Amino acid sequence: MPASPSTARAINDRLALRLLQQDGPLTATQLKTLTGLSRPTVADLVERLQGAGLIHVVGESGAVRRGPNARLYGIVADRALLAGLDVRTDSVAVVVTDLLGATLAEATLPIGSDTEGDDAVEQAAALLATTARSAGSAPLHSVGIGAPGLVDPVTGELRDTTGLPSWHRSLVRVLQERLPATVLVENETNLAAVAEHRAGAAHDSDTFVLLWLGHGVGAALMLDGKLRRGASGGAGEIGFLPVPGTVGTPSAVNCEGGFHSLAGSVPLCELAATHGIVAPAVGQEPGAAAAVRAALAGEGDGEAYLGALADRLALGVAAVASVLDPGLVLLSGEVGHAGGDALAARVSERLESMSPLRTGVRAGRLGGTAVLRGALLVAREAAQDALFAPAGVGGPSSIAGRAGGGPPP
């Protein structure tokens, strides 16, 4: 059954807006080429989108040919604001951007372990509000939040998790209740995978596993271009993975004895100390990342430490590869970023002798910024679906459907 004229217009408008956001600014001629639409149809949609306040003329293309066909059209980027939050156990980082992703304001707030839960929530909420105000007068449309712990795949809510601050869950609920904006929450490792897939080391692969190496360990599964969260949201809880070389086995409430006991920051710092490398944590970076940097710089018995570290990481990578056969594993997080290509090459070498499957190992490109980048991408998708979708034409977003909170402004 052919689409009605109104539906066809809505579909064309949405396609043009997507192209303008991804590849813009563009001329009407370029839009005609990219969309395959006729010149009159493109002229109509440009006029329609301008009238709706979604696009505007931002300049002209070329210096020779002038006139209407040379006008460059772009998204009205300051129509609304987007925010990304990276919620750690001891801090909150906020970045606010326009609709095209240009950073307008950013801030970080340490939150001490002795801070009461309600106080931590109020401090984090105030940080977001202050940062958004400093970014401009446009309304805050969508907020993406990355947090450690499990996110319920049905409700989209952050679940209570042993060992993590309770204020994390309270913060999400408070923001959803207070803000006239779409508020989305996702596991931090999953957001890092989204960012690496869109703009990082996995941009050329739709199937991969991201291994997050920071204060703790985790994994994100991207299969055929989609995040796989598991039945309860626990896919990738690799810290609980039983592996050789640990004392005991993990339990339902404690990952000690699992892969975490080999690859978490504390055991990696202890391993570094045995090789004459002492590197305390600096800011948000765990001590293990500093130890890896020191080893690469030649401190202590750096080569032996890097080899022992690669041996440990290869155990987890081999286990993941044997079950999923992803073809690619990224070493991400602060430790993966610190190790870079040198650590990835060592892990790859050991993996070849442990697994018959061809699995590439790469260092993540985005390091500790990956979570915020992913949170902003999620917020941007939510804004696209709401602001750039004409009535009656909705586009499913991989994460935006998990939103909570009030209606968009």
Protein backbone atom coordinates (compact mmCIF):
# COMPACT_ATOMS: atom_id res chain seq x y z
CA MET A 1 0.00 0.00 0.00
CA PRO A 2 1.59 3.33 -1.07
CA ALA A 3 2.23 5.96 1.57
CA SER A 4 -0.13 8.89 1.79
CA PRO A 5 1.22 12.30 0.67
CA SER A 6 1.49 13.48 4.29
CA THR A 7 3.36 10.34 5.35
CA ALA A 8 5.69 10.60 2.36
CA ARG A 9 6.46 14.22 3.25
CA ALA A 10 7.19 13.24 6.84
CA ILE A 11 9.53 10.45 5.75
CA ASN A 12 11.37 12.77 3.36
CA ASP A 13 11.68 15.46 6.02
CA ARG A 14 13.15 13.00 8.48
CA LEU A 15 15.65 11.70 5.93
CA ALA A 16 16.77 15.23 5.07
CA LEU A 17 17.18 16.15 8.74
CA ARG A 18 19.28 13.05 9.39
CA LEU A 19 21.55 13.91 6.48
CA LEU A 20 21.88 17.52 7.58
CA GLN A 21 22.82 16.45 11.08
CA GLN A 22 25.30 13.79 9.97
CA ASP A 23 26.82 15.43 6.88
CA GLY A 24 25.65 19.04 6.89
CA PRO A 25 25.64 21.83 6.07
CA LEU A 26 24.32 20.88 2.61
CA THR A 27 22.92 22.68 -0.42
CA ALA A 28 19.55 21.80 -1.90
CA THR A 29 21.41 20.21 -4.82
CA GLN A 30 23.40 18.01 -2.44
CA LEU A 31 20.21 17.03 -0.63
CA LYS A 32 18.69 16.08 -3.98
CA THR A 33 21.69 13.87 -4.78
CA LEU A 34 21.81 12.20 -1.37
CA THR A 35 18.07 11.60 -1.03
CA GLY A 36 17.29 10.76 -4.65
CA LEU A 37 14.29 13.09 -4.50
CA SER A 38 13.22 15.43 -7.26
CA ARG A 39 14.26 19.07 -7.23
CA PRO A 40 10.70 20.36 -6.56
CA THR A 41 10.29 17.87 -3.68
CA VAL A 42 13.57 19.00 -2.11
CA ALA A 43 12.59 22.66 -2.53
CA ASP A 44 9.29 21.98 -0.76
CA LEU A 45 10.88 20.15 2.16
CA VAL A 46 13.54 22.84 2.61
CA GLU A 47 10.83 25.48 2.79
CA ARG A 48 8.82 23.32 5.18
CA LEU A 49 11.75 22.65 7.52
CA GLN A 50 12.75 26.31 7.53
CA GLY A 51 9.20 27.28 8.43
CA ALA A 52 9.25 24.82 11.32
CA GLY A 53 12.45 26.38 12.69
CA LEU A 54 14.45 23.18 12.25
CA ILE A 55 16.95 24.38 9.63
CA HIS A 56 18.32 27.71 8.44
CA VAL A 57 20.75 29.15 5.91
CA VAL A 58 24.28 29.05 7.32
CA GLY A 59 26.25 30.29 4.29
CA GLU A 60 26.94 29.63 0.62
CA SER A 61 28.85 26.93 -1.22
CA GLY A 62 31.71 27.93 -3.50
CA ALA A 63 32.89 31.31 -4.64
CA VAL A 64 31.91 31.14 -8.33
CA ARG A 65 28.27 30.17 -8.51
CA ARG A 66 25.89 32.30 -6.47
CA GLY A 67 22.17 32.23 -5.96
CA PRO A 68 19.54 29.99 -4.35
CA ASN A 69 21.24 26.75 -5.38
CA ALA A 70 24.42 27.72 -3.52
CA ARG A 71 22.76 28.26 -0.15
CA LEU A 72 24.01 25.98 2.58
CA TYR A 73 21.38 24.71 4.99
CA GLY A 74 22.15 23.48 8.48
CA ILE A 75 20.37 22.27 11.61
CA VAL A 76 19.34 24.97 14.09
CA ALA A 77 21.76 23.61 16.66
CA ASP A 78 20.80 25.94 19.51
CA ARG A 79 17.15 24.87 19.44
CA ALA A 80 17.80 22.71 22.52
CA LEU A 81 20.58 21.47 24.79
CA LEU A 82 21.83 17.93 25.42
CA ALA A 83 23.65 16.71 28.52
CA GLY A 84 25.78 13.70 29.32
CA LEU A 85 26.60 12.54 32.86
CA ASP A 86 29.32 10.11 33.86
CA VAL A 87 28.40 8.98 37.38
CA ARG A 88 31.32 7.31 39.15
CA THR A 89 31.49 5.97 42.70
CA ASP A 90 33.27 9.14 43.84
CA SER A 91 32.44 11.83 41.29
CA VAL A 92 30.08 13.14 38.64
CA ALA A 93 31.17 14.66 35.32
CA VAL A 94 28.79 16.68 33.14
CA VAL A 95 29.07 17.88 29.55
CA VAL A 96 26.40 20.01 27.85
CA THR A 97 26.28 20.36 24.05
CA ASP A 98 24.07 21.73 21.32
CA LEU A 99 22.14 19.47 18.95
CA LEU A 100 25.18 19.01 16.72
CA GLY A 101 27.40 17.91 19.58
CA ALA A 102 29.45 21.08 20.05
CA THR A 103 30.52 21.33 23.69
CA LEU A 104 29.07 24.40 25.40
CA ALA A 105 29.89 23.74 29.05
CA GLU A 106 31.41 21.03 31.23
CA ALA A 107 32.16 20.43 34.88
CA THR A 108 33.29 17.73 37.31
CA LEU A 109 32.40 17.34 40.97
CA PRO A 110 34.16 14.99 43.42
CA ILE A 111 31.78 13.33 45.89
CA GLY A 112 33.44 11.92 48.99
CA SER A 113 32.61 8.49 50.33
CA ASP A 114 31.41 10.12 53.57
CA THR A 115 28.81 12.28 51.76
CA GLU A 116 25.25 11.44 52.76
CA GLY A 117 23.13 9.98 49.97
CA ASP A 118 20.65 12.87 49.82
CA ASP A 119 23.48 15.41 49.84
CA ALA A 120 25.25 13.58 47.01
CA VAL A 121 22.08 13.60 44.93
CA GLU A 122 21.49 17.31 45.52
CA GLN A 123 25.10 18.16 44.68
CA ALA A 124 24.98 16.17 41.43
CA ALA A 125 21.59 17.61 40.42
CA ALA A 126 22.81 21.15 41.16
CA LEU A 127 25.94 20.53 39.07
CA LEU A 128 23.81 19.56 36.07
CA ALA A 129 21.50 22.56 36.52
CA THR A 130 24.37 25.04 36.88
CA THR A 131 26.27 23.63 33.92
CA ALA A 132 23.17 23.69 31.71
CA ARG A 133 22.45 27.33 32.64
CA SER A 134 25.99 28.33 31.79
CA ALA A 135 25.58 26.70 28.35
CA GLY A 136 22.81 29.06 27.25
CA SER A 137 19.12 29.81 27.44
CA ALA A 138 17.86 26.95 25.29
CA PRO A 139 15.85 24.25 27.08
CA LEU A 140 17.54 21.05 28.19
CA HIS A 141 15.92 18.41 26.03
CA SER A 142 17.66 15.08 26.71
CA VAL A 143 20.05 13.79 29.36
CA GLY A 144 22.10 10.61 28.99
CA ILE A 145 23.52 9.08 32.18
CA GLY A 146 26.24 6.47 32.39
CA ALA A 147 26.54 4.66 35.71
CA PRO A 148 28.11 1.46 37.01
CA GLY A 149 25.73 -1.36 37.82
CA LEU A 150 22.86 -3.12 36.09
CA VAL A 151 20.08 -1.40 34.17
CA ASP A 152 16.82 -3.33 34.00
CA PRO A 153 16.21 -4.06 30.29
CA VAL A 154 12.43 -3.87 30.74
CA THR A 155 11.94 -0.79 32.93
CA GLY A 156 15.17 1.05 32.04
CA GLU A 157 15.82 1.66 35.76
CA LEU A 158 19.18 1.44 37.47
CA ARG A 159 19.04 -1.51 39.86
CA ASP A 160 20.42 -1.67 43.39
CA THR A 161 23.86 -3.23 43.17
CA THR A 162 26.00 -4.46 46.04
CA GLY A 163 29.09 -2.33 46.56
CA LEU A 164 27.86 0.72 44.67
CA PRO A 165 26.54 3.92 46.29
CA SER A 166 22.76 3.97 46.73
CA TRP A 167 22.68 7.64 45.67
CA HIS A 168 23.30 6.57 42.06
CA ARG A 169 19.81 5.14 41.78
CA SER A 170 18.30 8.04 43.70
CA LEU A 171 19.97 10.54 41.37
CA VAL A 172 18.40 9.01 38.29
CA ARG A 173 14.96 9.03 39.91
CA VAL A 174 15.30 12.64 41.10
CA LEU A 175 16.39 13.88 37.69
CA GLN A 176 13.53 12.05 36.01
CA GLU A 177 11.06 13.64 38.42
CA ARG A 178 12.47 17.18 38.33
CA LEU A 179 13.49 17.76 34.76
CA PRO A 180 11.11 18.59 31.93
CA ALA A 181 13.42 16.50 29.77
CA THR A 182 13.99 12.96 28.61
CA VAL A 183 16.34 11.23 31.06
CA LEU A 184 18.02 8.00 30.01
CA VAL A 185 20.30 5.75 32.04
CA GLU A 186 22.64 3.08 30.72
CA ASN A 187 25.46 0.99 32.09
CA GLU A 188 28.71 2.90 31.69
CA THR A 189 30.50 0.11 29.84
CA ASN A 190 27.67 -0.17 27.33
CA LEU A 191 27.91 3.56 26.66
CA ALA A 192 31.65 3.24 26.12
CA ALA A 193 30.93 0.57 23.49
CA VAL A 194 28.41 2.85 21.77
CA ALA A 195 31.01 5.62 21.61
CA GLU A 196 33.80 3.36 20.36
CA HIS A 197 31.46 1.97 17.71
CA ARG A 198 30.38 5.38 16.44
CA ALA A 199 33.60 7.33 16.75
CA GLY A 200 36.37 5.11 18.07
CA ALA A 201 38.37 1.94 17.57
CA ALA A 202 35.38 -0.21 16.53
CA HIS A 203 33.98 2.14 13.89
CA ASP A 204 34.60 -0.52 11.24
CA SER A 205 33.02 -3.44 13.10
CA ASP A 206 29.40 -4.14 14.05
CA THR A 207 30.32 -7.14 16.20
CA PHE A 208 32.83 -6.78 19.03
CA VAL A 209 33.32 -6.96 22.78
CA LEU A 210 34.57 -4.01 24.77
CA LEU A 211 36.51 -4.93 27.89
CA TRP A 212 36.41 -2.05 30.39
CA LEU A 213 39.48 -1.92 32.63
CA GLY A 214 39.29 0.72 35.35
CA HIS A 215 38.73 0.54 39.08
CA GLY A 216 36.71 -2.58 38.28
CA VAL A 217 36.21 -4.67 35.15
CA GLY A 218 33.22 -5.09 32.88
CA ALA A 219 32.36 -5.93 29.30
CA ALA A 220 29.89 -4.71 26.71
CA LEU A 221 28.61 -6.87 23.88
CA MET A 222 27.90 -5.27 20.50
CA LEU A 223 26.53 -7.91 18.14
CA ASP A 224 25.40 -7.00 14.63
CA GLY A 225 25.43 -3.33 15.56
CA LYS A 226 23.18 -3.72 18.61
CA LEU A 227 23.98 -3.77 22.31
CA ARG A 228 23.08 -7.07 23.94
CA ARG A 229 22.18 -6.61 27.58
CA GLY A 230 20.95 -10.08 28.49
CA ALA A 231 17.69 -11.18 30.11
CA SER A 232 18.35 -9.24 33.33
CA GLY A 233 20.71 -6.57 32.04
CA GLY A 234 23.72 -8.48 33.31
CA ALA A 235 25.44 -9.44 30.07
CA GLY A 236 29.09 -8.50 30.36
CA GLU A 237 29.45 -8.84 34.14
CA ILE A 238 32.84 -10.36 33.47
CA GLY A 239 34.13 -9.56 36.95
CA PHE A 240 32.20 -12.63 38.16
CA LEU A 241 33.78 -14.88 35.54
CA PRO A 242 35.55 -17.83 37.24
CA VAL A 243 39.13 -18.00 35.95
CA PRO A 244 42.29 -19.85 36.99
CA GLY A 245 44.80 -18.04 39.12
CA THR A 246 42.44 -16.73 41.80
CA VAL A 247 41.82 -17.85 45.36
CA GLY A 248 38.32 -19.25 45.67
CA THR A 249 35.36 -18.56 43.42
CA PRO A 250 32.95 -15.63 43.12
CA SER A 251 29.58 -15.62 44.85
CA ALA A 252 26.18 -14.18 43.98
CA VAL A 253 27.00 -11.01 45.94
CA ASN A 254 30.77 -10.70 45.56
CA CYS A 255 33.01 -10.98 42.51
CA GLU A 256 36.14 -11.70 44.58
CA GLY A 257 37.59 -14.90 43.20
CA GLY A 258 36.42 -14.04 39.69
CA PHE A 259 38.16 -12.19 36.87
CA HIS A 260 37.90 -9.01 38.97
CA SER A 261 40.46 -10.51 41.36
CA LEU A 262 42.96 -10.63 38.52
CA ALA A 263 42.16 -7.52 36.49
CA GLY A 264 40.65 -4.98 38.91
CA SER A 265 42.73 -1.95 39.83
CA VAL A 266 43.71 -3.18 43.31
CA PRO A 267 45.13 -6.57 42.19
CA LEU A 268 46.88 -4.92 39.26
CA CYS A 269 48.51 -2.42 41.61
CA GLU A 270 49.60 -5.27 43.87
CA LEU A 271 51.06 -7.02 40.83
CA ALA A 272 52.90 -3.84 39.88
CA ALA A 273 54.41 -3.54 43.35
CA THR A 274 55.94 -7.01 43.01
CA HIS A 275 57.72 -5.70 39.92
CA GLY A 276 59.05 -2.56 41.59
CA ILE A 277 56.35 -0.21 40.30
CA VAL A 278 54.39 1.94 42.73
CA ALA A 279 51.78 4.25 41.18
CA PRO A 280 48.97 5.69 43.30
CA ALA A 281 45.66 6.72 41.79
CA VAL A 282 45.55 10.26 40.37
CA GLY A 283 42.16 11.97 40.20
CA GLN A 284 39.66 9.64 38.54
CA GLU A 285 42.41 7.47 37.06
CA PRO A 286 42.94 4.23 39.00
CA GLY A 287 46.43 3.40 40.21
CA ALA A 288 46.64 0.50 37.76
CA ALA A 289 46.53 2.92 34.83
CA ALA A 290 49.38 4.92 36.31
CA ALA A 291 51.30 1.67 36.88
CA VAL A 292 50.92 0.71 33.23
CA ARG A 293 52.16 4.12 32.13
CA ALA A 294 55.14 3.79 34.47
CA ALA A 295 55.93 0.31 33.16
CA LEU A 296 55.85 1.53 29.55
CA ALA A 297 58.19 4.35 30.59
CA GLY A 298 60.70 1.80 31.90
CA GLU A 299 60.11 2.03 35.64
CA GLY A 300 60.98 -1.07 37.68
CA ASP A 301 60.75 -4.40 35.86
CA GLY A 302 58.24 -2.90 33.47
CA GLU A 303 58.48 -5.52 30.74
CA ALA A 304 57.82 -8.38 33.15
CA TYR A 305 54.85 -6.50 34.63
CA LEU A 306 53.32 -5.86 31.23
CA GLY A 307 53.77 -9.51 30.33
CA ALA A 308 52.10 -10.68 33.54
CA LEU A 309 49.28 -8.18 32.99
CA ALA A 310 48.77 -9.42 29.43
CA ASP A 311 48.64 -13.01 30.72
CA ARG A 312 45.81 -12.07 33.08
CA LEU A 313 43.83 -10.12 30.51
CA ALA A 314 44.20 -12.88 27.93
CA LEU A 315 42.36 -15.26 30.27
CA GLY A 316 39.27 -13.08 30.24
CA VAL A 317 39.51 -12.34 26.52
CA ALA A 318 39.90 -16.04 25.67
CA ALA A 319 36.83 -16.93 27.74
CA VAL A 320 34.74 -14.27 26.00
CA ALA A 321 36.01 -15.28 22.57
CA SER A 322 35.27 -18.96 23.12
CA VAL A 323 31.61 -18.20 23.88
CA LEU A 324 30.85 -15.29 21.53
CA ASP A 325 33.49 -15.43 18.78
CA PRO A 326 33.21 -11.65 18.33
CA GLY A 327 36.22 -11.30 16.05
CA LEU A 328 37.33 -8.16 17.90
CA VAL A 329 37.95 -7.24 21.53
CA LEU A 330 38.69 -3.67 22.62
CA LEU A 331 40.75 -2.94 25.73
CA SER A 332 39.07 0.19 27.05
CA GLY A 333 38.77 2.17 30.26
CA GLU A 334 41.64 3.98 31.88
CA VAL A 335 43.91 0.92 32.02
CA GLY A 336 43.23 -0.09 28.42
CA HIS A 337 43.84 3.49 27.30
CA ALA A 338 47.08 3.70 29.29
CA GLY A 339 48.35 0.43 27.80
CA GLY A 340 47.43 1.44 24.27
CA ASP A 341 48.64 -0.54 21.30
CA ALA A 342 51.60 -1.94 23.25
CA LEU A 343 49.38 -3.74 25.76
CA ALA A 344 46.88 -4.80 23.08
CA ALA A 345 49.69 -6.42 21.08
CA ARG A 346 50.86 -8.39 24.11
CA VAL A 347 47.35 -9.63 24.86
CA SER A 348 46.85 -10.57 21.21
CA GLU A 349 50.07 -12.57 21.18
CA ARG A 350 49.04 -14.59 24.23
CA LEU A 351 45.51 -15.06 22.93
CA GLU A 352 46.79 -16.71 19.77
CA SER A 353 48.26 -19.54 21.85
CA MET A 354 45.11 -19.95 23.97
CA SER A 355 42.28 -19.86 21.44
CA PRO A 356 41.76 -21.37 17.96
CA LEU A 357 39.47 -18.45 17.05
CA ARG A 358 40.78 -15.46 15.15
CA THR A 359 40.15 -12.54 17.50
CA GLY A 360 41.67 -9.14 16.98
CA VAL A 361 42.66 -7.13 20.05
CA ARG A 362 42.77 -3.35 19.88
CA ALA A 363 43.13 -0.50 22.33
CA GLY A 364 40.09 1.72 22.71
CA ARG A 365 40.68 5.22 21.36
CA LEU A 366 38.46 7.24 23.68
CA GLY A 367 39.82 6.27 27.08
CA GLY A 368 38.07 7.71 30.11
CA THR A 369 35.97 10.03 27.93
CA ALA A 370 34.13 7.14 26.29
CA VAL A 371 31.29 7.04 28.84
CA LEU A 372 30.47 10.73 28.43
CA ARG A 373 30.71 10.44 24.64
CA GLY A 374 28.29 7.53 24.72
CA ALA A 375 25.90 9.34 27.08
CA LEU A 376 25.79 12.32 24.73
CA LEU A 377 25.16 10.07 21.72
CA VAL A 378 22.20 8.53 23.55
CA ALA A 379 20.84 11.98 24.41
CA ARG A 380 21.32 13.09 20.82
CA GLU A 381 19.37 10.11 19.49
CA ALA A 382 16.51 10.91 21.84
CA ALA A 383 16.45 14.51 20.63
CA GLN A 384 16.54 13.42 17.00
CA ASP A 385 13.57 11.14 17.48
CA ALA A 386 11.55 13.82 19.26
CA LEU A 387 12.56 17.10 17.59
CA PHE A 388 13.36 15.89 14.09
CA ALA A 389 10.57 13.38 13.57
CA PRO A 390 7.49 14.97 11.98
CA ALA A 391 4.17 13.92 13.44
CA GLY A 392 3.30 10.31 12.80
CA VAL A 393 6.79 9.20 11.84
CA GLY A 394 8.83 7.79 14.68
CA GLY A 395 12.19 6.16 14.35
CA PRO A 396 13.21 3.52 16.90
CA SER A 397 16.40 4.38 18.71
CA SER A 398 18.66 1.68 20.07
CA ILE A 399 18.57 3.18 23.55
CA ALA A 400 16.23 6.16 23.52
CA GLY A 401 13.23 3.90 23.98
CA ARG A 402 14.52 3.23 27.47
CA ALA A 403 13.81 6.78 28.54
CA GLY A 404 12.18 7.90 31.70
CA GLY A 405 11.19 11.31 32.99
CA GLY A 406 8.88 14.07 31.95
CA PRO A 407 7.83 15.05 28.47
CA PRO A 408 10.26 16.96 26.29
CA PRO A 409 9.84 20.75 26.27
